[in-house]
Amino acid sequence: MAAERLALVADAFEASSSALLARAVRPGVDTAIDLGCGPGYTTRLLASVGKPRRTVGLDGSAHFVDVARGLTHDPRVTFEQHDVTALPLPHAPADVVYARLLLSHLPDPVGLVEGWRSQLRPGGVLVLDEVEDMQTPAGVLRDYGELVVQLIAAEGARMYPGPVLAELGGRCVGVDVDAAVAARIYGMNLQVWRADAAARGLADDAQLDALAAGLATLARQPGVDMVRWTFRQLVLPAA
């Protein structure tokens, strides 16, 4: 289910991420590293756009690494299990380090960014694609979003790391996604974290059931509304 969810995310954001990578990455560099690669969608995109000699996807999940290997048939693209907060990164120093939608899951985003910049060789770039803000229609999608903000805060991270990264520069890019697609993604997310939300006292079973039902209904109604993700996109030089 997590791989299916990430496939939807990859499809929704591929165009904006591809444009960022095309602008930021000099084709033909030696080594590119994709942080938090999941089942490899961002890694394959990085390899396709940047065309480095070697692209390495890193993820803390052994399951995702196995899935990524099974879906990838390019010998220039490899995957390894590694905690991306632990330095040094495998295969560093790199010419490119890339991360998309990763920092919302981790504490101290600015500190992590500075650490990742240290893993670049001179002339290399750290490329980040992180959420600045979301404009969500009232109703079940907004209810879901407010609950996720509380849950991520309880875990010591920020749902929207973009504003914290603003001191480092970058630019904001808006991406509109059909509300039905967003509801489908959110519904799968909810199945993963609902027990944690209940355990933390953020919602009871009745509220979570109602949220799941509302998301399922909206997921069957394409074209009803849109959700706008605003990304902060940064291209930072080596530290």
C-alpha atoms as a PDB file:
ATOM      1  CA  MET A   1       0.000   0.000   0.000  1.00  0.00           C
ATOM      2  CA  ALA A   2       2.833   2.391   0.832  1.00  0.00           C
ATOM      3  CA  ALA A   3       4.399   1.737  -2.576  1.00  0.00           C
ATOM      4  CA  GLU A   4       1.048   2.393  -4.276  1.00  0.00           C
ATOM      5  CA  ARG A   5       0.666   5.647  -2.342  1.00  0.00           C
ATOM      6  CA  LEU A   6       4.128   6.777  -3.360  1.00  0.00           C
ATOM      7  CA  ALA A   7       3.351   5.940  -6.987  1.00  0.00           C
ATOM      8  CA  LEU A   8       0.437   8.390  -6.828  1.00  0.00           C
ATOM      9  CA  VAL A   9       2.662  11.007  -5.209  1.00  0.00           C
ATOM     10  CA  ALA A  10       5.322  10.481  -7.860  1.00  0.00           C
ATOM     11  CA  ASP A  11       2.814  10.947 -10.657  1.00  0.00           C
ATOM     12  CA  ALA A  12       1.332  14.079  -9.078  1.00  0.00           C
ATOM     13  CA  PHE A  13       4.670  15.841  -8.588  1.00  0.00           C
ATOM     14  CA  GLU A  14       6.838  14.465 -11.395  1.00  0.00           C
ATOM     15  CA  ALA A  15       6.531  17.503 -13.655  1.00  0.00           C
ATOM     16  CA  SER A  16       7.560  20.065 -11.038  1.00  0.00           C
ATOM     17  CA  SER A  17      10.390  17.893  -9.718  1.00  0.00           C
ATOM     18  CA  SER A  18      11.643  17.154 -13.214  1.00  0.00           C
ATOM     19  CA  ALA A  19      11.781  20.879 -14.011  1.00  0.00           C
ATOM     20  CA  LEU A  20      13.708  21.526 -10.791  1.00  0.00           C
ATOM     21  CA  LEU A  21      16.253  18.799 -11.514  1.00  0.00           C
ATOM     22  CA  ALA A  22      16.687  19.941 -15.108  1.00  0.00           C
ATOM     23  CA  ARG A  23      17.464  23.423 -13.845  1.00  0.00           C
ATOM     24  CA  ALA A  24      19.744  22.348 -10.993  1.00  0.00           C
ATOM     25  CA  VAL A  25      21.722  19.327 -12.180  1.00  0.00           C
ATOM     26  CA  ARG A  26      24.486  19.472 -14.748  1.00  0.00           C
ATOM     27  CA  PRO A  27      24.029  16.363 -16.939  1.00  0.00           C
ATOM     28  CA  GLY A  28      26.709  13.727 -16.857  1.00  0.00           C
ATOM     29  CA  VAL A  29      28.147  14.223 -13.358  1.00  0.00           C
ATOM     30  CA  ASP A  30      29.720  11.285 -11.598  1.00  0.00           C
ATOM     31  CA  THR A  31      27.554  10.539  -8.536  1.00  0.00           C
ATOM     32  CA  ALA A  32      24.034  11.527  -7.484  1.00  0.00           C
ATOM     33  CA  ILE A  33      22.401  10.421  -4.218  1.00  0.00           C
ATOM     34  CA  ASP A  34      18.637  10.353  -3.610  1.00  0.00           C
ATOM     35  CA  LEU A  35      17.732  10.580   0.077  1.00  0.00           C
ATOM     36  CA  GLY A  36      14.636   8.787   1.370  1.00  0.00           C
ATOM     37  CA  CYS A  37      14.214   7.062  -1.975  1.00  0.00           C
ATOM     38  CA  GLY A  38      11.258   4.836  -1.024  1.00  0.00           C
ATOM     39  CA  PRO A  39      10.469   2.448  -3.895  1.00  0.00           C
ATOM     40  CA  GLY A  40      12.739   4.424  -6.205  1.00  0.00           C
ATOM     41  CA  TYR A  41      10.500   6.826  -8.129  1.00  0.00           C
ATOM     42  CA  THR A  42      12.576   9.881  -7.262  1.00  0.00           C
ATOM     43  CA  THR A  43      15.813   7.981  -7.824  1.00  0.00           C
ATOM     44  CA  ARG A  44      14.819   6.948 -11.321  1.00  0.00           C
ATOM     45  CA  LEU A  45      13.672  10.509 -12.053  1.00  0.00           C
ATOM     46  CA  LEU A  46      17.022  11.871 -10.868  1.00  0.00           C
ATOM     47  CA  ALA A  47      18.846   9.359 -13.058  1.00  0.00           C
ATOM     48  CA  SER A  48      16.673  10.134 -16.072  1.00  0.00           C
ATOM     49  CA  VAL A  49      16.917  13.920 -15.874  1.00  0.00           C
ATOM     50  CA  GLY A  50      20.452  14.383 -14.571  1.00  0.00           C
ATOM     51  CA  LYS A  51      22.034  11.412 -16.319  1.00  0.00           C
ATOM     52  CA  PRO A  52      24.824  10.966 -13.751  1.00  0.00           C
ATOM     53  CA  ARG A  53      27.245   8.108 -14.205  1.00  0.00           C
ATOM     54  CA  ARG A  54      25.911   6.558 -10.996  1.00  0.00           C
ATOM     55  CA  THR A  55      22.698   7.233  -9.050  1.00  0.00           C
ATOM     56  CA  VAL A  56      22.257   5.787  -5.557  1.00  0.00           C
ATOM     57  CA  GLY A  57      18.949   5.700  -3.675  1.00  0.00           C
ATOM     58  CA  LEU A  58      19.151   5.538   0.116  1.00  0.00           C
ATOM     59  CA  ASP A  59      16.305   4.629   2.464  1.00  0.00           C
ATOM     60  CA  GLY A  60      16.039   3.398   6.029  1.00  0.00           C
ATOM     61  CA  SER A  61      13.442   0.777   5.022  1.00  0.00           C
ATOM     62  CA  ALA A  62      14.817  -2.556   3.842  1.00  0.00           C
ATOM     63  CA  HIS A  63      11.416  -3.302   2.309  1.00  0.00           C
ATOM     64  CA  PHE A  64      11.442  -0.149   0.177  1.00  0.00           C
ATOM     65  CA  VAL A  65      15.008  -0.859  -0.934  1.00  0.00           C
ATOM     66  CA  ASP A  66      13.967  -4.352  -2.056  1.00  0.00           C
ATOM     67  CA  VAL A  67      10.940  -2.957  -3.921  1.00  0.00           C
ATOM     68  CA  ALA A  68      13.091  -0.289  -5.588  1.00  0.00           C
ATOM     69  CA  ARG A  69      15.590  -2.881  -6.769  1.00  0.00           C
ATOM     70  CA  GLY A  70      12.804  -4.994  -8.232  1.00  0.00           C
ATOM     71  CA  LEU A  71      11.331  -2.053 -10.155  1.00  0.00           C
ATOM     72  CA  THR A  72      14.630  -0.733 -11.529  1.00  0.00           C
ATOM     73  CA  HIS A  73      16.405  -2.182 -14.544  1.00  0.00           C
ATOM     74  CA  ASP A  74      19.122   0.407 -15.109  1.00  0.00           C
ATOM     75  CA  PRO A  75      22.580  -0.834 -14.036  1.00  0.00           C
ATOM     76  CA  ARG A  76      23.612   2.775 -13.321  1.00  0.00           C
ATOM     77  CA  VAL A  77      20.968   2.993 -10.563  1.00  0.00           C
ATOM     78  CA  THR A  78      21.465   1.175  -7.261  1.00  0.00           C
ATOM     79  CA  PHE A  79      19.804   1.196  -3.847  1.00  0.00           C
ATOM     80  CA  GLU A  80      21.101   0.756  -0.317  1.00  0.00           C
ATOM     81  CA  GLN A  81      19.560   0.734   3.140  1.00  0.00           C
ATOM     82  CA  HIS A  82      20.875   3.645   5.180  1.00  0.00           C
ATOM     83  CA  ASP A  83      19.599   6.109   7.779  1.00  0.00           C
ATOM     84  CA  VAL A  84      19.833   9.392   5.856  1.00  0.00           C
ATOM     85  CA  THR A  85      20.399  11.342   9.080  1.00  0.00           C
ATOM     86  CA  ALA A  86      23.627   9.385   9.700  1.00  0.00           C
ATOM     87  CA  LEU A  87      26.773  10.835   8.158  1.00  0.00           C
ATOM     88  CA  PRO A  88      28.831  10.115   6.185  1.00  0.00           C
ATOM     89  CA  LEU A  89      26.441   9.044   3.453  1.00  0.00           C
ATOM     90  CA  PRO A  90      27.454   6.023   1.379  1.00  0.00           C
ATOM     91  CA  HIS A  91      29.283   7.040  -1.818  1.00  0.00           C
ATOM     92  CA  ALA A  92      29.904  10.588  -0.602  1.00  0.00           C
ATOM     93  CA  PRO A  93      31.271  13.005  -1.573  1.00  0.00           C
ATOM     94  CA  ALA A  94      28.661  13.317  -4.306  1.00  0.00           C
ATOM     95  CA  ASP A  95      28.027  15.773  -7.112  1.00  0.00           C
ATOM     96  CA  VAL A  96      24.295  15.888  -6.363  1.00  0.00           C
ATOM     97  CA  VAL A  97      22.258  15.078  -3.265  1.00  0.00           C
ATOM     98  CA  TYR A  98      18.487  15.217  -3.754  1.00  0.00           C
ATOM     99  CA  ALA A  99      15.509  14.926  -1.400  1.00  0.00           C
ATOM    100  CA  ARG A 100      11.780  15.338  -1.998  1.00  0.00           C
ATOM    101  CA  LEU A 101       9.125  15.422   0.739  1.00  0.00           C
ATOM    102  CA  LEU A 102      11.618  14.095   3.265  1.00  0.00           C
ATOM    103  CA  LEU A 103      12.187  16.823   5.841  1.00  0.00           C
ATOM    104  CA  SER A 104       8.578  16.820   7.072  1.00  0.00           C
ATOM    105  CA  HIS A 105       9.387  13.439   8.633  1.00  0.00           C
ATOM    106  CA  LEU A 106      12.570  14.566  10.394  1.00  0.00           C
ATOM    107  CA  PRO A 107      13.469  16.980  13.220  1.00  0.00           C
ATOM    108  CA  ASP A 108      15.935  19.867  12.812  1.00  0.00           C
ATOM    109  CA  PRO A 109      15.563  20.410   9.051  1.00  0.00           C
ATOM    110  CA  VAL A 110      18.140  23.200   8.823  1.00  0.00           C
ATOM    111  CA  GLY A 111      20.713  21.128  10.717  1.00  0.00           C
ATOM    112  CA  LEU A 112      20.120  18.178   8.416  1.00  0.00           C
ATOM    113  CA  VAL A 113      20.469  20.376   5.353  1.00  0.00           C
ATOM    114  CA  GLU A 114      23.832  21.638   6.536  1.00  0.00           C
ATOM    115  CA  GLY A 115      24.938  18.074   7.199  1.00  0.00           C
ATOM    116  CA  TRP A 116      23.903  16.936   3.735  1.00  0.00           C
ATOM    117  CA  ARG A 117      25.720  19.874   2.133  1.00  0.00           C
ATOM    118  CA  SER A 118      28.891  18.602   3.791  1.00  0.00           C
ATOM    119  CA  GLN A 119      28.515  15.403   1.757  1.00  0.00           C
ATOM    120  CA  LEU A 120      29.021  17.227  -1.543  1.00  0.00           C
ATOM    121  CA  ARG A 121      32.281  17.548  -3.401  1.00  0.00           C
ATOM    122  CA  PRO A 122      33.324  21.080  -4.440  1.00  0.00           C
ATOM    123  CA  GLY A 123      30.948  22.333  -7.107  1.00  0.00           C
ATOM    124  CA  GLY A 124      28.217  19.910  -6.050  1.00  0.00           C
ATOM    125  CA  VAL A 125      24.614  20.827  -5.234  1.00  0.00           C
ATOM    126  CA  LEU A 126      21.991  19.821  -2.695  1.00  0.00           C
ATOM    127  CA  VAL A 127      18.549  19.918  -4.326  1.00  0.00           C
ATOM    128  CA  LEU A 128      15.469  20.032  -2.086  1.00  0.00           C
ATOM    129  CA  ASP A 129      11.778  19.759  -2.919  1.00  0.00           C
ATOM    130  CA  GLU A 130       9.843  20.378   0.330  1.00  0.00           C
ATOM    131  CA  VAL A 131       6.331  21.521   1.237  1.00  0.00           C
ATOM    132  CA  GLU A 132       5.925  25.218   1.994  1.00  0.00           C
ATOM    133  CA  ASP A 133       2.151  25.271   2.369  1.00  0.00           C
ATOM    134  CA  MET A 134      -1.074  23.613   1.264  1.00  0.00           C
ATOM    135  CA  GLN A 135      -4.347  25.184   0.231  1.00  0.00           C
ATOM    136  CA  THR A 136      -7.039  22.637   0.964  1.00  0.00           C
ATOM    137  CA  PRO A 137     -10.810  22.970   0.514  1.00  0.00           C
ATOM    138  CA  ALA A 138     -12.918  22.900   3.659  1.00  0.00           C
ATOM    139  CA  GLY A 139     -14.212  19.514   4.669  1.00  0.00           C
ATOM    140  CA  VAL A 140     -12.619  16.113   4.996  1.00  0.00           C
ATOM    141  CA  LEU A 141      -9.313  17.060   3.338  1.00  0.00           C
ATOM    142  CA  ARG A 142      -8.784  19.988   5.673  1.00  0.00           C
ATOM    143  CA  ASP A 143      -9.782  17.867   8.675  1.00  0.00           C
ATOM    144  CA  TYR A 144      -7.211  15.290   7.622  1.00  0.00           C
ATOM    145  CA  GLY A 145      -4.512  17.931   7.166  1.00  0.00           C
ATOM    146  CA  GLU A 146      -5.071  19.481  10.573  1.00  0.00           C
ATOM    147  CA  LEU A 147      -4.796  16.080  12.232  1.00  0.00           C
ATOM    148  CA  VAL A 148      -1.580  15.240  10.374  1.00  0.00           C
ATOM    149  CA  VAL A 149      -0.004  18.540  11.450  1.00  0.00           C
ATOM    150  CA  GLN A 150      -0.728  17.624  15.077  1.00  0.00           C
ATOM    151  CA  LEU A 151       0.590  14.079  14.682  1.00  0.00           C
ATOM    152  CA  ILE A 152       3.846  15.112  13.017  1.00  0.00           C
ATOM    153  CA  ALA A 153       4.374  17.839  15.626  1.00  0.00           C
ATOM    154  CA  ALA A 154       3.907  15.231  18.359  1.00  0.00           C
ATOM    155  CA  GLU A 155       6.717  13.249  16.713  1.00  0.00           C
ATOM    156  CA  GLY A 156       9.046  16.250  16.788  1.00  0.00           C
ATOM    157  CA  ALA A 157       8.886  17.241  13.123  1.00  0.00           C
ATOM    158  CA  ARG A 158       7.082  19.802  10.929  1.00  0.00           C
ATOM    159  CA  MET A 159       4.448  19.077   8.317  1.00  0.00           C
ATOM    160  CA  TYR A 160       5.565  22.211   6.447  1.00  0.00           C
ATOM    161  CA  PRO A 161       9.361  22.524   6.633  1.00  0.00           C
ATOM    162  CA  GLY A 162       9.475  25.027   3.763  1.00  0.00           C
ATOM    163  CA  PRO A 163       9.112  28.186   5.897  1.00  0.00           C
ATOM    164  CA  VAL A 164      11.954  27.025   8.144  1.00  0.00           C
ATOM    165  CA  LEU A 165      14.150  26.592   5.065  1.00  0.00           C
ATOM    166  CA  ALA A 166      13.298  30.064   3.740  1.00  0.00           C
ATOM    167  CA  GLU A 167      16.413  31.490   5.402  1.00  0.00           C
ATOM    168  CA  LEU A 168      18.419  29.379   2.949  1.00  0.00           C
ATOM    169  CA  GLY A 169      16.662  30.858  -0.086  1.00  0.00           C
ATOM    170  CA  GLY A 170      14.948  28.958  -2.858  1.00  0.00           C
ATOM    171  CA  ARG A 171      11.725  29.642  -4.673  1.00  0.00           C
ATOM    172  CA  CYS A 172       8.122  28.510  -4.282  1.00  0.00           C
ATOM    173  CA  VAL A 173       6.266  26.530  -6.934  1.00  0.00           C
ATOM    174  CA  GLY A 174       2.569  25.629  -6.842  1.00  0.00           C
ATOM    175  CA  VAL A 175       1.242  22.234  -7.950  1.00  0.00           C
ATOM    176  CA  ASP A 176      -2.499  21.594  -8.280  1.00  0.00           C
ATOM    177  CA  VAL A 177      -3.748  18.077  -7.620  1.00  0.00           C
ATOM    178  CA  ASP A 178      -7.266  16.752  -8.102  1.00  0.00           C
ATOM    179  CA  ALA A 179      -8.922  16.471  -4.693  1.00  0.00           C
ATOM    180  CA  ALA A 180      -9.938  12.892  -5.508  1.00  0.00           C
ATOM    181  CA  VAL A 181      -6.285  11.938  -5.987  1.00  0.00           C
ATOM    182  CA  ALA A 182      -5.357  13.716  -2.764  1.00  0.00           C
ATOM    183  CA  ALA A 183      -8.148  11.862  -0.940  1.00  0.00           C
ATOM    184  CA  ARG A 184      -6.875   8.543  -2.259  1.00  0.00           C
ATOM    185  CA  ILE A 185      -3.337   9.315  -1.062  1.00  0.00           C
ATOM    186  CA  TYR A 186      -4.605  10.533   2.310  1.00  0.00           C
ATOM    187  CA  GLY A 187      -6.800   7.480   2.753  1.00  0.00           C
ATOM    188  CA  MET A 188      -3.801   5.183   2.396  1.00  0.00           C
ATOM    189  CA  ASN A 189      -1.767   7.383   4.739  1.00  0.00           C
ATOM    190  CA  LEU A 190      -4.529   7.232   7.314  1.00  0.00           C
ATOM    191  CA  GLN A 191      -4.416   3.449   7.426  1.00  0.00           C
ATOM    192  CA  VAL A 192      -0.736   3.664   8.324  1.00  0.00           C
ATOM    193  CA  TRP A 193      -0.910   6.203  11.157  1.00  0.00           C
ATOM    194  CA  ARG A 194      -4.427   6.013  12.575  1.00  0.00           C
ATOM    195  CA  ALA A 195      -3.413   3.753  15.477  1.00  0.00           C
ATOM    196  CA  ASP A 196      -0.677   6.212  16.431  1.00  0.00           C
ATOM    197  CA  ALA A 197      -3.108   9.146  16.317  1.00  0.00           C
ATOM    198  CA  ALA A 198      -5.533   7.258  18.544  1.00  0.00           C
ATOM    199  CA  ALA A 199      -2.778   6.245  20.976  1.00  0.00           C
ATOM    200  CA  ARG A 200      -1.679   9.869  21.293  1.00  0.00           C
ATOM    201  CA  GLY A 201      -5.243  10.971  22.018  1.00  0.00           C
ATOM    202  CA  LEU A 202      -5.478  13.144  18.894  1.00  0.00           C
ATOM    203  CA  ALA A 203      -8.672  11.430  17.646  1.00  0.00           C
ATOM    204  CA  ASP A 204     -10.904   8.572  18.728  1.00  0.00           C
ATOM    205  CA  ASP A 205     -11.978   5.576  16.628  1.00  0.00           C
ATOM    206  CA  ALA A 206     -15.297   7.149  15.653  1.00  0.00           C
ATOM    207  CA  GLN A 207     -13.582  10.283  14.372  1.00  0.00           C
ATOM    208  CA  LEU A 208     -10.998   8.261  12.474  1.00  0.00           C
ATOM    209  CA  ASP A 209     -13.688   6.037  10.949  1.00  0.00           C
ATOM    210  CA  ALA A 210     -15.603   9.114   9.794  1.00  0.00           C
ATOM    211  CA  LEU A 211     -12.419  10.591   8.311  1.00  0.00           C
ATOM    212  CA  ALA A 212     -11.655   7.360   6.453  1.00  0.00           C
ATOM    213  CA  ALA A 213     -15.201   7.162   5.094  1.00  0.00           C
ATOM    214  CA  GLY A 214     -15.133  10.777   3.936  1.00  0.00           C
ATOM    215  CA  LEU A 215     -11.817  10.314   2.154  1.00  0.00           C
ATOM    216  CA  ALA A 216     -13.050   7.138   0.469  1.00  0.00           C
ATOM    217  CA  THR A 217     -16.142   8.941  -0.803  1.00  0.00           C
ATOM    218  CA  LEU A 218     -14.159  11.889  -2.166  1.00  0.00           C
ATOM    219  CA  ALA A 219     -11.641   9.558  -3.820  1.00  0.00           C
ATOM    220  CA  ARG A 220     -14.482   8.309  -6.042  1.00  0.00           C
ATOM    221  CA  GLN A 221     -15.409  11.826  -7.196  1.00  0.00           C
ATOM    222  CA  PRO A 222     -12.732  13.220  -9.547  1.00  0.00           C
ATOM    223  CA  GLY A 223     -13.040  16.802 -10.712  1.00  0.00           C
ATOM    224  CA  VAL A 224     -14.896  18.088  -7.656  1.00  0.00           C
ATOM    225  CA  ASP A 225     -12.105  20.306  -6.323  1.00  0.00           C
ATOM    226  CA  MET A 226      -8.351  20.838  -6.242  1.00  0.00           C
ATOM    227  CA  VAL A 227      -5.622  20.860  -3.614  1.00  0.00           C
ATOM    228  CA  ARG A 228      -2.652  23.173  -4.132  1.00  0.00           C
ATOM    229  CA  TRP A 229       0.700  22.049  -2.807  1.00  0.00           C
ATOM    230  CA  THR A 230       3.260  24.840  -2.645  1.00  0.00           C
ATOM    231  CA  PHE A 231       6.826  23.550  -2.712  1.00  0.00           C
ATOM    232  CA  ARG A 232       9.957  25.361  -1.621  1.00  0.00           C
ATOM    233  CA  GLN A 233      12.612  24.303  -4.113  1.00  0.00           C
ATOM    234  CA  LEU A 234      16.226  24.933  -3.149  1.00  0.00           C
ATOM    235  CA  VAL A 235      19.519  24.410  -4.924  1.00  0.00           C
ATOM    236  CA  LEU A 236      22.344  24.813  -2.416  1.00  0.00           C
ATOM    237  CA  PRO A 237      26.099  24.623  -2.980  1.00  0.00           C
ATOM    238  CA  ALA A 238      28.509  22.452  -1.044  1.00  0.00           C
ATOM    239  CA  ALA A 239      29.197  23.622   2.507  1.00  0.00           C
END
